[in-house]
PDB file of N, CA and C in Angstrom:
ATOM      1  N   UNK A   1     128.676 -33.808 -71.780  1.00  0.00           N
ATOM      2  CA  UNK A   1     127.811 -34.123 -71.884  1.00  0.00           C
ATOM      3  C   UNK A   1     126.519 -32.989 -72.868  1.00  0.00           C
ATOM      4  N   UNK A   2     126.571 -31.959 -72.536  1.00  0.00           N
ATOM      5  CA  UNK A   2     125.761 -31.065 -72.733  1.00  0.00           C
ATOM      6  C   UNK A   2     125.906 -30.902 -73.970  1.00  0.00           C
ATOM      7  N   UNK A   3     127.403 -30.559 -74.622  1.00  0.00           N
ATOM      8  CA  UNK A   3     127.914 -30.421 -75.838  1.00  0.00           C
ATOM      9  C   UNK A   3     127.384 -31.155 -76.828  1.00  0.00           C
ATOM     10  N   UNK A   4     127.671 -32.805 -76.255  1.00  0.00           N
ATOM     11  CA  UNK A   4     127.318 -33.647 -77.050  1.00  0.00           C
ATOM     12  C   UNK A   4     125.844 -33.262 -77.651  1.00  0.00           C
ATOM     13  N   UNK A   5     124.769 -33.221 -76.905  1.00  0.00           N
ATOM     14  CA  UNK A   5     123.476 -32.593 -77.297  1.00  0.00           C
ATOM     15  C   UNK A   5     123.267 -32.067 -77.842  1.00  0.00           C
ATOM     16  N   UNK A   6     124.221 -30.529 -77.897  1.00  0.00           N
ATOM     17  CA  UNK A   6     123.551 -29.422 -78.685  1.00  0.00           C
ATOM     18  C   UNK A   6     124.255 -29.902 -80.100  1.00  0.00           C
ATOM     19  N   UNK A   7     125.003 -30.704 -80.489  1.00  0.00           N
ATOM     20  CA  UNK A   7     125.733 -30.927 -81.738  1.00  0.00           C
ATOM     21  C   UNK A   7     124.903 -32.065 -82.196  1.00  0.00           C
ATOM     22  N   UNK A   8     124.601 -33.025 -81.588  1.00  0.00           N
ATOM     23  CA  UNK A   8     123.367 -33.663 -81.927  1.00  0.00           C
ATOM     24  C   UNK A   8     122.014 -33.150 -82.442  1.00  0.00           C
ATOM     25  N   UNK A   9     121.398 -31.849 -81.367  1.00  0.00           N
ATOM     26  CA  UNK A   9     120.392 -31.202 -82.074  1.00  0.00           C
ATOM     27  C   UNK A   9     121.075 -30.285 -83.209  1.00  0.00           C
ATOM     28  N   UNK A  10     121.799 -29.951 -83.532  1.00  0.00           N
ATOM     29  CA  UNK A  10     122.251 -29.149 -84.551  1.00  0.00           C
ATOM     30  C   UNK A  10     122.076 -29.771 -86.040  1.00  0.00           C
ATOM     31  N   UNK A  11     122.674 -31.133 -85.859  1.00  0.00           N
ATOM     32  CA  UNK A  11     122.969 -32.287 -86.974  1.00  0.00           C
ATOM     33  C   UNK A  11     121.243 -32.410 -87.697  1.00  0.00           C
ATOM     34  N   UNK A  12     120.773 -32.623 -86.161  1.00  0.00           N
ATOM     35  CA  UNK A  12     119.128 -33.138 -86.602  1.00  0.00           C
ATOM     36  C   UNK A  12     118.518 -32.150 -87.247  1.00  0.00           C
ATOM     37  N   UNK A  13     118.806 -30.771 -86.532  1.00  0.00           N
ATOM     38  CA  UNK A  13     117.880 -30.088 -87.691  1.00  0.00           C
ATOM     39  C   UNK A  13     118.445 -29.491 -89.043  1.00  0.00           C
ATOM     40  N   UNK A  14     119.697 -29.587 -89.174  1.00  0.00           N
ATOM     41  CA  UNK A  14     120.330 -29.352 -90.357  1.00  0.00           C
ATOM     42  C   UNK A  14     119.533 -30.747 -91.320  1.00  0.00           C
ATOM     43  N   UNK A  15     119.761 -31.703 -90.765  1.00  0.00           N
ATOM     44  CA  UNK A  15     119.096 -33.031 -91.282  1.00  0.00           C
ATOM     45  C   UNK A  15     117.412 -32.667 -92.205  1.00  0.00           C
ATOM     46  N   UNK A  16     116.816 -32.704 -91.192  1.00  0.00           N
ATOM     47  CA  UNK A  16     115.409 -32.065 -91.119  1.00  0.00           C
ATOM     48  C   UNK A  16     115.102 -31.055 -92.481  1.00  0.00           C
ATOM     49  N   UNK A  17     115.959 -30.202 -92.131  1.00  0.00           N
ATOM     50  CA  UNK A  17     115.990 -28.897 -93.244  1.00  0.00           C
ATOM     51  C   UNK A  17     116.224 -29.496 -94.456  1.00  0.00           C
ATOM     52  N   UNK A  18     116.841 -30.533 -95.040  1.00  0.00           N
ATOM     53  CA  UNK A  18     117.365 -31.034 -96.190  1.00  0.00           C
ATOM     54  C   UNK A  18     115.820 -31.840 -96.556  1.00  0.00           C
ATOM     55  N   UNK A  19     115.333 -32.734 -95.231  1.00  0.00           N
ATOM     56  CA  UNK A  19     114.153 -33.650 -96.012  1.00  0.00           C
ATOM     57  C   UNK A  19     113.034 -32.665 -96.630  1.00  0.00           C
ATOM     58  N   UNK A  20     112.691 -32.861 -97.824  1.00  0.00           N
ATOM     59  CA  UNK A  20     111.490 -32.327 -98.487  1.00  0.00           C
ATOM     60  C   UNK A  20     110.046 -32.260 -97.564  1.00  0.00           C
ATOM     61  N   UNK A  21     109.409 -31.562 -97.652  1.00  0.00           N
ATOM     62  CA  UNK A  21     108.183 -30.928 -97.076  1.00  0.00           C
ATOM     63  C   UNK A  21     107.237 -32.169 -98.037  1.00  0.00           C
ATOM     64  N   UNK A  22     105.965 -32.162 -97.425  1.00  0.00           N
ATOM     65  CA  UNK A  22     104.891 -33.252 -97.963  1.00  0.00           C
ATOM     66  C   UNK A  22     104.644 -32.382 -99.384  1.00  0.00           C
ATOM     67  N   UNK A  23     104.445 -31.037 -99.488  1.00  0.00           N
ATOM     68  CA  UNK A  23     103.940 -30.225-100.282  1.00  0.00           C
ATOM     69  C   UNK A  23     104.854 -30.634-101.515  1.00  0.00           C
ATOM     70  N   UNK A  24     106.206 -30.475-101.161  1.00  0.00           N
ATOM     71  CA  UNK A  24     107.312 -30.700-101.906  1.00  0.00           C
ATOM     72  C   UNK A  24     107.557 -31.951-102.484  1.00  0.00           C
ATOM     73  N   UNK A  25     107.092 -32.995-101.949  1.00  0.00           N
ATOM     74  CA  UNK A  25     106.966 -34.493-102.510  1.00  0.00           C
ATOM     75  C   UNK A  25     106.064 -34.392-103.657  1.00  0.00           C
ATOM     76  N   UNK A  26     104.702 -33.631-103.105  1.00  0.00           N
ATOM     77  CA  UNK A  26     103.879 -33.945-103.994  1.00  0.00           C
ATOM     78  C   UNK A  26     104.015 -33.093-105.375  1.00  0.00           C
ATOM     79  N   UNK A  27     104.523 -31.928-105.048  1.00  0.00           N
ATOM     80  CA  UNK A  27     105.013 -31.329-106.490  1.00  0.00           C
ATOM     81  C   UNK A  27     105.825 -31.803-107.136  1.00  0.00           C
ATOM     82  N   UNK A  28     106.907 -32.594-106.482  1.00  0.00           N
ATOM     83  CA  UNK A  28     107.859 -33.369-107.493  1.00  0.00           C
ATOM     84  C   UNK A  28     107.102 -34.383-107.983  1.00  0.00           C
ATOM     85  N   UNK A  29     106.331 -35.207-107.265  1.00  0.00           N
ATOM     86  CA  UNK A  29     105.742 -36.364-107.867  1.00  0.00           C
ATOM     87  C   UNK A  29     104.833 -36.071-108.988  1.00  0.00           C
ATOM     88  N   UNK A  30     104.130 -34.784-109.208  1.00  0.00           N
ATOM     89  CA  UNK A  30     103.368 -34.151-110.064  1.00  0.00           C
ATOM     90  C   UNK A  30     104.462 -34.200-111.138  1.00  0.00           C
ATOM     91  N   UNK A  31     105.313 -33.294-110.965  1.00  0.00           N
ATOM     92  CA  UNK A  31     106.342 -33.118-112.136  1.00  0.00           C
ATOM     93  C   UNK A  31     106.790 -34.013-112.750  1.00  0.00           C
ATOM     94  N   UNK A  32     107.094 -35.206-112.089  1.00  0.00           N
ATOM     95  CA  UNK A  32     107.528 -36.836-112.470  1.00  0.00           C
ATOM     96  C   UNK A  32     106.279 -37.212-113.571  1.00  0.00           C
ATOM     97  N   UNK A  33     105.638 -37.173-112.944  1.00  0.00           N
ATOM     98  CA  UNK A  33     104.221 -37.758-113.892  1.00  0.00           C
ATOM     99  C   UNK A  33     103.958 -37.247-114.985  1.00  0.00           C
ATOM    100  N   UNK A  34     103.832 -35.799-114.871  1.00  0.00           N
ATOM    101  CA  UNK A  34     103.763 -34.706-116.358  1.00  0.00           C
ATOM    102  C   UNK A  34     104.978 -35.104-116.993  1.00  0.00           C
ATOM    103  N   UNK A  35     105.802 -34.898-116.531  1.00  0.00           N
ATOM    104  CA  UNK A  35     107.107 -35.397-117.481  1.00  0.00           C
ATOM    105  C   UNK A  35     107.148 -36.989-118.091  1.00  0.00           C
ATOM    106  N   UNK A  36     106.783 -37.871-117.397  1.00  0.00           N
ATOM    107  CA  UNK A  36     106.387 -39.298-117.980  1.00  0.00           C
ATOM    108  C   UNK A  36     105.321 -39.019-119.370  1.00  0.00           C
ATOM    109  N   UNK A  37     104.175 -38.578-118.744  1.00  0.00           N
ATOM    110  CA  UNK A  37     103.087 -38.555-119.829  1.00  0.00           C
ATOM    111  C   UNK A  37     104.076 -37.680-121.184  1.00  0.00           C
ATOM    112  N   UNK A  38     104.680 -36.776-121.176  1.00  0.00           N
ATOM    113  CA  UNK A  38     105.331 -35.921-122.156  1.00  0.00           C
ATOM    114  C   UNK A  38     106.167 -37.274-123.013  1.00  0.00           C
ATOM    115  N   UNK A  39     106.852 -37.733-122.019  1.00  0.00           N
ATOM    116  CA  UNK A  39     107.640 -38.696-122.622  1.00  0.00           C
ATOM    117  C   UNK A  39     107.011 -40.034-123.403  1.00  0.00           C
ATOM    118  N   UNK A  40     105.886 -40.082-123.060  1.00  0.00           N
ATOM    119  CA  UNK A  40     104.684 -40.990-123.317  1.00  0.00           C
ATOM    120  C   UNK A  40     104.309 -40.581-124.700  1.00  0.00           C
ATOM    121  N   UNK A  41     104.185 -39.608-124.798  1.00  0.00           N
ATOM    122  CA  UNK A  41     103.385 -38.660-126.188  1.00  0.00           C
ATOM    123  C   UNK A  41     104.371 -38.842-126.946  1.00  0.00           C
ATOM    124  N   UNK A  42     105.696 -38.438-126.688  1.00  0.00           N
ATOM    125  CA  UNK A  42     106.868 -38.346-127.756  1.00  0.00           C
ATOM    126  C   UNK A  42     107.185 -39.610-128.217  1.00  0.00           C
ATOM    127  N   UNK A  43     107.217 -40.374-127.539  1.00  0.00           N
ATOM    128  CA  UNK A  43     107.707 -41.939-127.647  1.00  0.00           C
ATOM    129  C   UNK A  43     106.454 -42.434-129.107  1.00  0.00           C
ATOM    130  N   UNK A  44     105.033 -41.980-128.749  1.00  0.00           N
ATOM    131  CA  UNK A  44     104.089 -42.415-129.613  1.00  0.00           C
ATOM    132  C   UNK A  44     104.362 -41.798-130.665  1.00  0.00           C
ATOM    133  N   UNK A  45     104.566 -40.409-130.886  1.00  0.00           N
ATOM    134  CA  UNK A  45     104.643 -39.724-131.776  1.00  0.00           C
ATOM    135  C   UNK A  45     106.275 -40.337-133.014  1.00  0.00           C
ATOM    136  N   UNK A  46     107.431 -40.759-132.022  1.00  0.00           N
ATOM    137  CA  UNK A  46     108.538 -41.303-132.845  1.00  0.00           C
ATOM    138  C   UNK A  46     108.157 -42.627-133.486  1.00  0.00           C
ATOM    139  N   UNK A  47     107.395 -43.110-132.760  1.00  0.00           N
ATOM    140  CA  UNK A  47     106.875 -44.608-132.972  1.00  0.00           C
ATOM    141  C   UNK A  47     106.159 -44.799-134.506  1.00  0.00           C
ATOM    142  N   UNK A  48     104.599 -43.589-134.376  1.00  0.00           N
ATOM    143  CA  UNK A  48     104.033 -43.518-135.528  1.00  0.00           C
ATOM    144  C   UNK A  48     105.267 -42.968-136.863  1.00  0.00           C
ATOM    145  N   UNK A  49     105.782 -42.048-136.364  1.00  0.00           N
ATOM    146  CA  UNK A  49     106.942 -41.361-137.521  1.00  0.00           C
ATOM    147  C   UNK A  49     107.485 -42.682-138.249  1.00  0.00           C
ATOM    148  N   UNK A  50     108.300 -43.406-137.208  1.00  0.00           N
ATOM    149  CA  UNK A  50     108.965 -44.738-137.898  1.00  0.00           C
ATOM    150  C   UNK A  50     108.197 -45.506-138.747  1.00  0.00           C
ATOM    151  N   UNK A  51     106.767 -45.773-138.171  1.00  0.00           N
ATOM    152  CA  UNK A  51     106.039 -46.627-139.153  1.00  0.00           C
ATOM    153  C   UNK A  51     105.764 -45.833-140.514  1.00  0.00           C
ATOM    154  N   UNK A  52     105.435 -44.720-140.414  1.00  0.00           N
ATOM    155  CA  UNK A  52     105.272 -43.921-141.352  1.00  0.00           C
ATOM    156  C   UNK A  52     106.768 -43.745-142.928  1.00  0.00           C
ATOM    157  N   UNK A  53     107.894 -43.609-142.149  1.00  0.00           N
ATOM    158  CA  UNK A  53     108.832 -43.642-142.706  1.00  0.00           C
ATOM    159  C   UNK A  53     109.293 -44.922-143.541  1.00  0.00           C
TER     160      UNK A  53
END
């Protein structure tokens, strides 16, 4: 019984280490938001160029 619990705890710790922290999630979200903004700008520029051409 003790061994099974030890293994469960080890697995649980491994999983916990893989879950991103709140700070990492915010950072990730901000990075995605920034990239989305960049994409919007690029698409707008591309659209304008297409209209001009």
